[in-house]
Amino acid sequence: MAIKFNLVEKPQPGVAGGGVKKWYASAKADGEISIDELTVEIEKFSALSEADIRGVIIALENVIINQIVNGKIVRLDKLGSFYPSLSSEGATYETDFNVSLIKGAKINYRPGKRISEALKVAKFQKVKRV
């Protein structure tokens, strides 16, 4: 298998009129995998039943949510880490800053070593234009 990609022409950032346009690779999803399908795949590597695996996945989701909204970094060993980050408006002075300037929160993911290493040796396949 390979990571599929297509090419996208983009203008030069920060240059009026776009400057010199160049072509860049953009990953193209090759479908999705559901919890049901993940469960079947995990069953192949485990002695757990489908119901047990599904239960663990759902419990893990709930625990990650609970910990993230409490400001924790969730480290899942070789899988990687999930951690919260904020986006806010700026204040001229520190004393002027208040919570209303926070515009949103999101979750960041930093892959573990095994995933990072796998991506270093991934194969790539250009998607044919239709």
N, C-alpha and C. Protein backbone atom coordinates (compact mmCIF):
# COMPACT_ATOMS: atom_id res chain seq x y z
N MET A 1 0.84 -1.19 0.00
CA MET A 1 0.00 0.00 0.00
C MET A 1 0.88 1.25 0.00
N ALA A 2 0.28 2.34 -0.40
CA ALA A 2 1.01 3.60 -0.48
C ALA A 2 0.08 4.74 -0.08
N ILE A 3 0.68 5.85 0.32
CA ILE A 3 -0.09 7.06 0.59
C ILE A 3 -0.33 7.72 -0.76
N LYS A 4 -1.59 7.90 -1.10
CA LYS A 4 -1.92 8.51 -2.39
C LYS A 4 -1.85 10.03 -2.27
N PHE A 5 -1.48 10.66 -3.39
CA PHE A 5 -1.39 12.12 -3.39
C PHE A 5 -1.78 12.66 -4.75
N ASN A 6 -2.18 13.93 -4.74
CA ASN A 6 -2.37 14.64 -6.00
C ASN A 6 -1.54 15.92 -5.91
N LEU A 7 -1.45 16.64 -7.01
CA LEU A 7 -0.65 17.85 -7.05
C LEU A 7 -1.55 19.08 -7.04
N VAL A 8 -1.12 20.09 -6.27
CA VAL A 8 -1.87 21.33 -6.15
C VAL A 8 -0.92 22.49 -6.43
N GLU A 9 -1.34 23.39 -7.33
CA GLU A 9 -0.52 24.55 -7.63
C GLU A 9 -0.83 25.65 -6.62
N LYS A 10 0.23 26.18 -5.98
CA LYS A 10 0.04 27.22 -4.95
C LYS A 10 0.94 28.41 -5.26
N PRO A 11 0.42 29.62 -4.94
CA PRO A 11 1.23 30.82 -5.13
C PRO A 11 2.30 30.95 -4.05
N GLN A 12 3.26 31.79 -4.31
CA GLN A 12 4.34 32.04 -3.35
C GLN A 12 3.77 32.86 -2.19
N PRO A 13 3.89 32.36 -0.95
CA PRO A 13 3.30 33.07 0.19
C PRO A 13 3.97 34.43 0.41
N GLY A 14 3.16 35.42 0.76
CA GLY A 14 3.67 36.74 1.10
C GLY A 14 4.08 37.60 -0.07
N VAL A 15 3.84 37.13 -1.30
CA VAL A 15 4.23 37.90 -2.48
C VAL A 15 2.97 38.44 -3.16
N ALA A 16 2.94 39.75 -3.37
CA ALA A 16 1.78 40.37 -4.04
C ALA A 16 1.60 39.75 -5.42
N GLY A 17 0.38 39.41 -5.74
CA GLY A 17 0.09 38.80 -7.04
C GLY A 17 0.41 37.32 -7.09
N GLY A 18 0.91 36.76 -6.02
CA GLY A 18 1.17 35.32 -5.96
C GLY A 18 2.57 34.90 -6.31
N GLY A 19 3.34 35.77 -6.94
CA GLY A 19 4.72 35.42 -7.27
C GLY A 19 4.80 34.19 -8.16
N VAL A 20 5.85 33.42 -8.00
CA VAL A 20 6.05 32.21 -8.79
C VAL A 20 5.22 31.08 -8.19
N LYS A 21 4.34 30.52 -8.99
CA LYS A 21 3.52 29.40 -8.51
C LYS A 21 4.32 28.11 -8.65
N LYS A 22 4.12 27.21 -7.67
CA LYS A 22 4.78 25.91 -7.70
C LYS A 22 3.76 24.82 -7.38
N TRP A 23 4.12 23.61 -7.78
CA TRP A 23 3.26 22.46 -7.54
C TRP A 23 3.73 21.72 -6.29
N TYR A 24 2.76 21.35 -5.44
CA TYR A 24 3.05 20.67 -4.19
C TYR A 24 2.19 19.42 -4.07
N ALA A 25 2.74 18.41 -3.40
CA ALA A 25 1.98 17.19 -3.15
C ALA A 25 0.97 17.45 -2.04
N SER A 26 -0.21 16.88 -2.20
CA SER A 26 -1.26 16.96 -1.19
C SER A 26 -1.82 15.55 -0.99
N ALA A 27 -1.77 15.06 0.26
CA ALA A 27 -2.25 13.71 0.54
C ALA A 27 -3.72 13.58 0.19
N LYS A 28 -4.07 12.46 -0.42
CA LYS A 28 -5.45 12.18 -0.81
C LYS A 28 -5.91 10.96 -0.02
N ALA A 29 -6.95 11.15 0.77
CA ALA A 29 -7.46 10.04 1.58
C ALA A 29 -7.89 8.89 0.67
N ASP A 30 -7.62 7.69 1.12
CA ASP A 30 -7.98 6.48 0.38
C ASP A 30 -9.06 5.74 1.16
N GLY A 31 -10.12 6.45 1.49
CA GLY A 31 -11.21 5.86 2.25
C GLY A 31 -11.08 6.13 3.73
N GLU A 32 -11.95 5.51 4.49
CA GLU A 32 -11.99 5.65 5.94
C GLU A 32 -12.06 4.26 6.55
N ILE A 33 -11.79 4.19 7.85
CA ILE A 33 -11.98 2.94 8.58
C ILE A 33 -12.79 3.25 9.83
N SER A 34 -13.86 2.50 10.03
CA SER A 34 -14.77 2.73 11.15
C SER A 34 -14.31 1.97 12.39
N ILE A 35 -14.97 2.25 13.51
CA ILE A 35 -14.66 1.51 14.74
C ILE A 35 -14.94 0.03 14.53
N ASP A 36 -16.00 -0.29 13.80
CA ASP A 36 -16.31 -1.71 13.54
C ASP A 36 -15.16 -2.38 12.80
N GLU A 37 -14.63 -1.70 11.78
CA GLU A 37 -13.53 -2.27 11.01
C GLU A 37 -12.24 -2.32 11.83
N LEU A 38 -12.00 -1.29 12.63
CA LEU A 38 -10.83 -1.31 13.53
C LEU A 38 -10.92 -2.49 14.49
N THR A 39 -12.12 -2.71 15.01
CA THR A 39 -12.32 -3.81 15.96
C THR A 39 -11.96 -5.14 15.32
N VAL A 40 -12.39 -5.37 14.10
CA VAL A 40 -12.08 -6.61 13.38
C VAL A 40 -10.56 -6.74 13.20
N GLU A 41 -9.90 -5.64 12.83
CA GLU A 41 -8.45 -5.67 12.64
C GLU A 41 -7.72 -5.95 13.96
N ILE A 42 -8.16 -5.32 15.04
CA ILE A 42 -7.52 -5.52 16.35
C ILE A 42 -7.72 -6.95 16.83
N GLU A 43 -8.89 -7.53 16.54
CA GLU A 43 -9.18 -8.92 16.93
C GLU A 43 -8.12 -9.88 16.41
N LYS A 44 -7.55 -9.59 15.24
CA LYS A 44 -6.53 -10.45 14.64
C LYS A 44 -5.26 -10.50 15.47
N PHE A 45 -5.00 -9.46 16.26
CA PHE A 45 -3.77 -9.36 17.05
C PHE A 45 -4.03 -9.55 18.54
N SER A 46 -5.23 -9.97 18.91
CA SER A 46 -5.61 -10.00 20.32
C SER A 46 -6.45 -11.22 20.64
N ALA A 47 -6.47 -11.54 21.92
CA ALA A 47 -7.33 -12.62 22.39
C ALA A 47 -8.66 -12.06 22.90
N LEU A 48 -8.84 -10.76 22.79
CA LEU A 48 -10.06 -10.12 23.27
C LEU A 48 -11.20 -10.32 22.27
N SER A 49 -12.42 -10.29 22.80
CA SER A 49 -13.59 -10.41 21.92
C SER A 49 -13.89 -9.06 21.27
N GLU A 50 -14.71 -9.11 20.24
CA GLU A 50 -15.12 -7.90 19.55
C GLU A 50 -15.76 -6.90 20.52
N ALA A 51 -16.62 -7.40 21.40
CA ALA A 51 -17.31 -6.53 22.37
C ALA A 51 -16.31 -5.89 23.33
N ASP A 52 -15.31 -6.66 23.77
CA ASP A 52 -14.31 -6.12 24.69
C ASP A 52 -13.50 -5.02 24.01
N ILE A 53 -13.09 -5.27 22.78
CA ILE A 53 -12.29 -4.29 22.03
C ILE A 53 -13.09 -3.01 21.82
N ARG A 54 -14.33 -3.16 21.39
CA ARG A 54 -15.19 -1.99 21.17
C ARG A 54 -15.35 -1.21 22.48
N GLY A 55 -15.55 -1.92 23.57
CA GLY A 55 -15.70 -1.28 24.88
C GLY A 55 -14.45 -0.50 25.27
N VAL A 56 -13.29 -1.07 25.02
CA VAL A 56 -12.03 -0.39 25.35
C VAL A 56 -11.85 0.85 24.49
N ILE A 57 -12.15 0.76 23.20
CA ILE A 57 -12.01 1.93 22.32
C ILE A 57 -12.92 3.07 22.78
N ILE A 58 -14.17 2.75 23.10
CA ILE A 58 -15.11 3.78 23.55
C ILE A 58 -14.68 4.35 24.90
N ALA A 59 -14.22 3.50 25.80
CA ALA A 59 -13.74 3.97 27.11
C ALA A 59 -12.51 4.86 26.93
N LEU A 60 -11.60 4.48 26.04
CA LEU A 60 -10.41 5.29 25.78
C LEU A 60 -10.80 6.67 25.26
N GLU A 61 -11.75 6.70 24.34
CA GLU A 61 -12.24 7.98 23.83
C GLU A 61 -12.76 8.86 24.97
N ASN A 62 -13.58 8.28 25.85
CA ASN A 62 -14.15 9.04 26.97
C ASN A 62 -13.07 9.54 27.92
N VAL A 63 -12.08 8.72 28.22
CA VAL A 63 -11.00 9.12 29.13
C VAL A 63 -10.16 10.22 28.50
N ILE A 64 -9.83 10.09 27.22
CA ILE A 64 -9.05 11.13 26.53
C ILE A 64 -9.79 12.47 26.58
N ILE A 65 -11.08 12.46 26.27
CA ILE A 65 -11.88 13.68 26.31
C ILE A 65 -11.82 14.30 27.70
N ASN A 66 -12.07 13.50 28.72
CA ASN A 66 -12.09 13.99 30.10
C ASN A 66 -10.74 14.60 30.50
N GLN A 67 -9.66 13.95 30.12
CA GLN A 67 -8.34 14.45 30.51
C GLN A 67 -7.95 15.69 29.71
N ILE A 68 -8.26 15.72 28.42
CA ILE A 68 -7.93 16.88 27.58
C ILE A 68 -8.64 18.13 28.09
N VAL A 69 -9.94 18.03 28.40
CA VAL A 69 -10.67 19.22 28.87
C VAL A 69 -10.23 19.64 30.26
N ASN A 70 -9.44 18.82 30.94
CA ASN A 70 -8.86 19.19 32.22
C ASN A 70 -7.40 19.60 32.07
N GLY A 71 -6.97 19.85 30.82
CA GLY A 71 -5.66 20.41 30.56
C GLY A 71 -4.50 19.44 30.59
N LYS A 72 -4.77 18.15 30.57
CA LYS A 72 -3.71 17.14 30.62
C LYS A 72 -3.19 16.81 29.23
N ILE A 73 -1.93 16.39 29.17
CA ILE A 73 -1.37 15.77 27.98
C ILE A 73 -1.64 14.28 28.12
N VAL A 74 -2.23 13.67 27.13
CA VAL A 74 -2.51 12.24 27.17
C VAL A 74 -1.45 11.54 26.33
N ARG A 75 -0.56 10.80 26.99
CA ARG A 75 0.50 10.06 26.31
C ARG A 75 0.09 8.60 26.19
N LEU A 76 0.03 8.13 24.96
CA LEU A 76 -0.35 6.74 24.70
C LEU A 76 0.85 5.97 24.16
N ASP A 77 1.94 6.06 24.88
CA ASP A 77 3.16 5.33 24.59
C ASP A 77 3.55 5.45 23.11
N LYS A 78 3.60 4.35 22.41
CA LYS A 78 4.06 4.34 21.02
C LYS A 78 3.04 4.93 20.06
N LEU A 79 1.79 5.06 20.49
CA LEU A 79 0.76 5.64 19.64
C LEU A 79 0.97 7.14 19.50
N GLY A 80 1.38 7.81 20.56
CA GLY A 80 1.63 9.24 20.52
C GLY A 80 0.94 9.98 21.64
N SER A 81 0.90 11.30 21.51
CA SER A 81 0.33 12.16 22.55
C SER A 81 -0.73 13.08 21.97
N PHE A 82 -1.75 13.33 22.78
CA PHE A 82 -2.79 14.30 22.48
C PHE A 82 -2.66 15.40 23.51
N TYR A 83 -2.75 16.66 23.07
CA TYR A 83 -2.65 17.76 24.03
C TYR A 83 -3.45 18.95 23.53
N PRO A 84 -3.99 19.73 24.47
CA PRO A 84 -4.81 20.86 24.08
C PRO A 84 -3.97 22.08 23.71
N SER A 85 -4.52 22.94 22.83
CA SER A 85 -3.91 24.23 22.54
C SER A 85 -5.03 25.24 22.38
N LEU A 86 -4.68 26.51 22.54
CA LEU A 86 -5.68 27.58 22.49
C LEU A 86 -5.36 28.57 21.38
N SER A 87 -6.40 29.24 20.92
CA SER A 87 -6.25 30.35 19.99
C SER A 87 -6.95 31.54 20.66
N SER A 88 -6.29 32.69 20.66
CA SER A 88 -6.88 33.84 21.33
C SER A 88 -6.54 35.14 20.62
N GLU A 89 -7.30 36.15 20.93
CA GLU A 89 -6.99 37.51 20.52
C GLU A 89 -5.88 37.99 21.45
N GLY A 90 -5.14 38.98 21.01
CA GLY A 90 -4.07 39.52 21.84
C GLY A 90 -4.56 40.69 22.68
N ALA A 91 -3.87 40.93 23.79
CA ALA A 91 -4.12 42.10 24.63
C ALA A 91 -2.84 42.91 24.68
N THR A 92 -2.97 44.21 24.70
CA THR A 92 -1.80 45.08 24.73
C THR A 92 -0.99 44.88 26.00
N TYR A 93 -1.69 44.71 27.11
CA TYR A 93 -1.03 44.50 28.40
C TYR A 93 -1.52 43.21 29.02
N GLU A 94 -0.65 42.55 29.77
CA GLU A 94 -1.02 41.30 30.43
C GLU A 94 -2.24 41.49 31.31
N THR A 95 -2.32 42.61 32.00
CA THR A 95 -3.45 42.88 32.90
C THR A 95 -4.77 43.07 32.15
N ASP A 96 -4.70 43.35 30.85
CA ASP A 96 -5.91 43.53 30.04
C ASP A 96 -6.48 42.21 29.53
N PHE A 97 -5.71 41.13 29.65
CA PHE A 97 -6.17 39.86 29.10
C PHE A 97 -7.24 39.25 29.99
N ASN A 98 -8.33 38.75 29.36
CA ASN A 98 -9.34 38.00 30.09
C ASN A 98 -9.82 36.84 29.23
N VAL A 99 -10.53 35.94 29.84
CA VAL A 99 -10.95 34.70 29.18
C VAL A 99 -11.78 34.95 27.92
N SER A 100 -12.47 36.08 27.85
CA SER A 100 -13.30 36.36 26.67
C SER A 100 -12.44 36.51 25.40
N LEU A 101 -11.14 36.71 25.55
CA LEU A 101 -10.25 36.83 24.39
C LEU A 101 -9.86 35.47 23.82
N ILE A 102 -10.16 34.40 24.56
CA ILE A 102 -9.88 33.05 24.05
C ILE A 102 -10.98 32.70 23.05
N LYS A 103 -10.57 32.40 21.81
CA LYS A 103 -11.52 32.16 20.72
C LYS A 103 -11.83 30.68 20.51
N GLY A 104 -10.97 29.81 20.99
CA GLY A 104 -11.25 28.39 20.80
C GLY A 104 -10.12 27.52 21.30
N ALA A 105 -10.43 26.25 21.38
CA ALA A 105 -9.45 25.24 21.78
C ALA A 105 -9.47 24.14 20.75
N LYS A 106 -8.35 23.48 20.59
CA LYS A 106 -8.31 22.33 19.69
C LYS A 106 -7.37 21.29 20.29
N ILE A 107 -7.40 20.11 19.72
CA ILE A 107 -6.52 19.03 20.16
C ILE A 107 -5.41 18.87 19.14
N ASN A 108 -4.20 18.82 19.62
CA ASN A 108 -3.05 18.53 18.77
C ASN A 108 -2.63 17.08 19.01
N TYR A 109 -2.05 16.50 18.02
CA TYR A 109 -1.56 15.12 18.12
C TYR A 109 -0.10 15.09 17.70
N ARG A 110 0.71 14.46 18.50
CA ARG A 110 2.12 14.25 18.15
C ARG A 110 2.33 12.73 18.11
N PRO A 111 2.63 12.21 16.93
CA PRO A 111 2.77 10.75 16.80
C PRO A 111 3.93 10.20 17.61
N GLY A 112 3.78 8.95 18.02
CA GLY A 112 4.85 8.26 18.72
C GLY A 112 5.94 7.84 17.74
N LYS A 113 7.02 7.30 18.31
CA LYS A 113 8.19 6.97 17.50
C LYS A 113 7.88 5.95 16.40
N ARG A 114 7.12 4.90 16.71
CA ARG A 114 6.83 3.87 15.70
C ARG A 114 6.06 4.45 14.52
N ILE A 115 5.10 5.32 14.79
CA ILE A 115 4.32 5.92 13.70
C ILE A 115 5.20 6.85 12.89
N SER A 116 6.01 7.66 13.56
CA SER A 116 6.92 8.56 12.85
C SER A 116 7.89 7.78 11.97
N GLU A 117 8.43 6.69 12.49
CA GLU A 117 9.37 5.87 11.73
C GLU A 117 8.67 5.23 10.52
N ALA A 118 7.43 4.80 10.70
CA ALA A 118 6.68 4.19 9.59
C ALA A 118 6.47 5.19 8.47
N LEU A 119 6.20 6.46 8.83
CA LEU A 119 5.98 7.48 7.80
C LEU A 119 7.27 7.81 7.05
N LYS A 120 8.41 7.63 7.71
CA LYS A 120 9.69 7.91 7.04
C LYS A 120 9.95 6.94 5.89
N VAL A 121 9.38 5.75 5.97
CA VAL A 121 9.62 4.74 4.93
C VAL A 121 8.36 4.47 4.09
N ALA A 122 7.34 5.31 4.26
CA ALA A 122 6.10 5.12 3.51
C ALA A 122 6.35 5.27 2.01
N LYS A 123 5.57 4.57 1.24
CA LYS A 123 5.61 4.67 -0.22
C LYS A 123 4.54 5.67 -0.64
N PHE A 124 4.70 6.27 -1.80
CA PHE A 124 3.77 7.27 -2.29
C PHE A 124 3.33 6.92 -3.70
N GLN A 125 2.07 7.24 -4.01
CA GLN A 125 1.51 6.93 -5.32
C GLN A 125 0.68 8.11 -5.79
N LYS A 126 1.01 8.66 -6.94
CA LYS A 126 0.29 9.78 -7.51
C LYS A 126 -1.08 9.31 -8.01
N VAL A 127 -2.12 10.06 -7.68
CA VAL A 127 -3.47 9.76 -8.13
C VAL A 127 -3.63 10.31 -9.53
N LYS A 128 -4.19 9.49 -10.41
CA LYS A 128 -4.41 9.93 -11.80
C LYS A 128 -5.52 10.95 -11.85
N ARG A 129 -5.30 12.00 -12.62
CA ARG A 129 -6.33 13.03 -12.79
C ARG A 129 -7.45 12.49 -13.66
N VAL A 130 -8.65 12.85 -13.30
CA VAL A 130 -9.82 12.41 -14.04
C VAL A 130 -10.24 13.46 -15.02
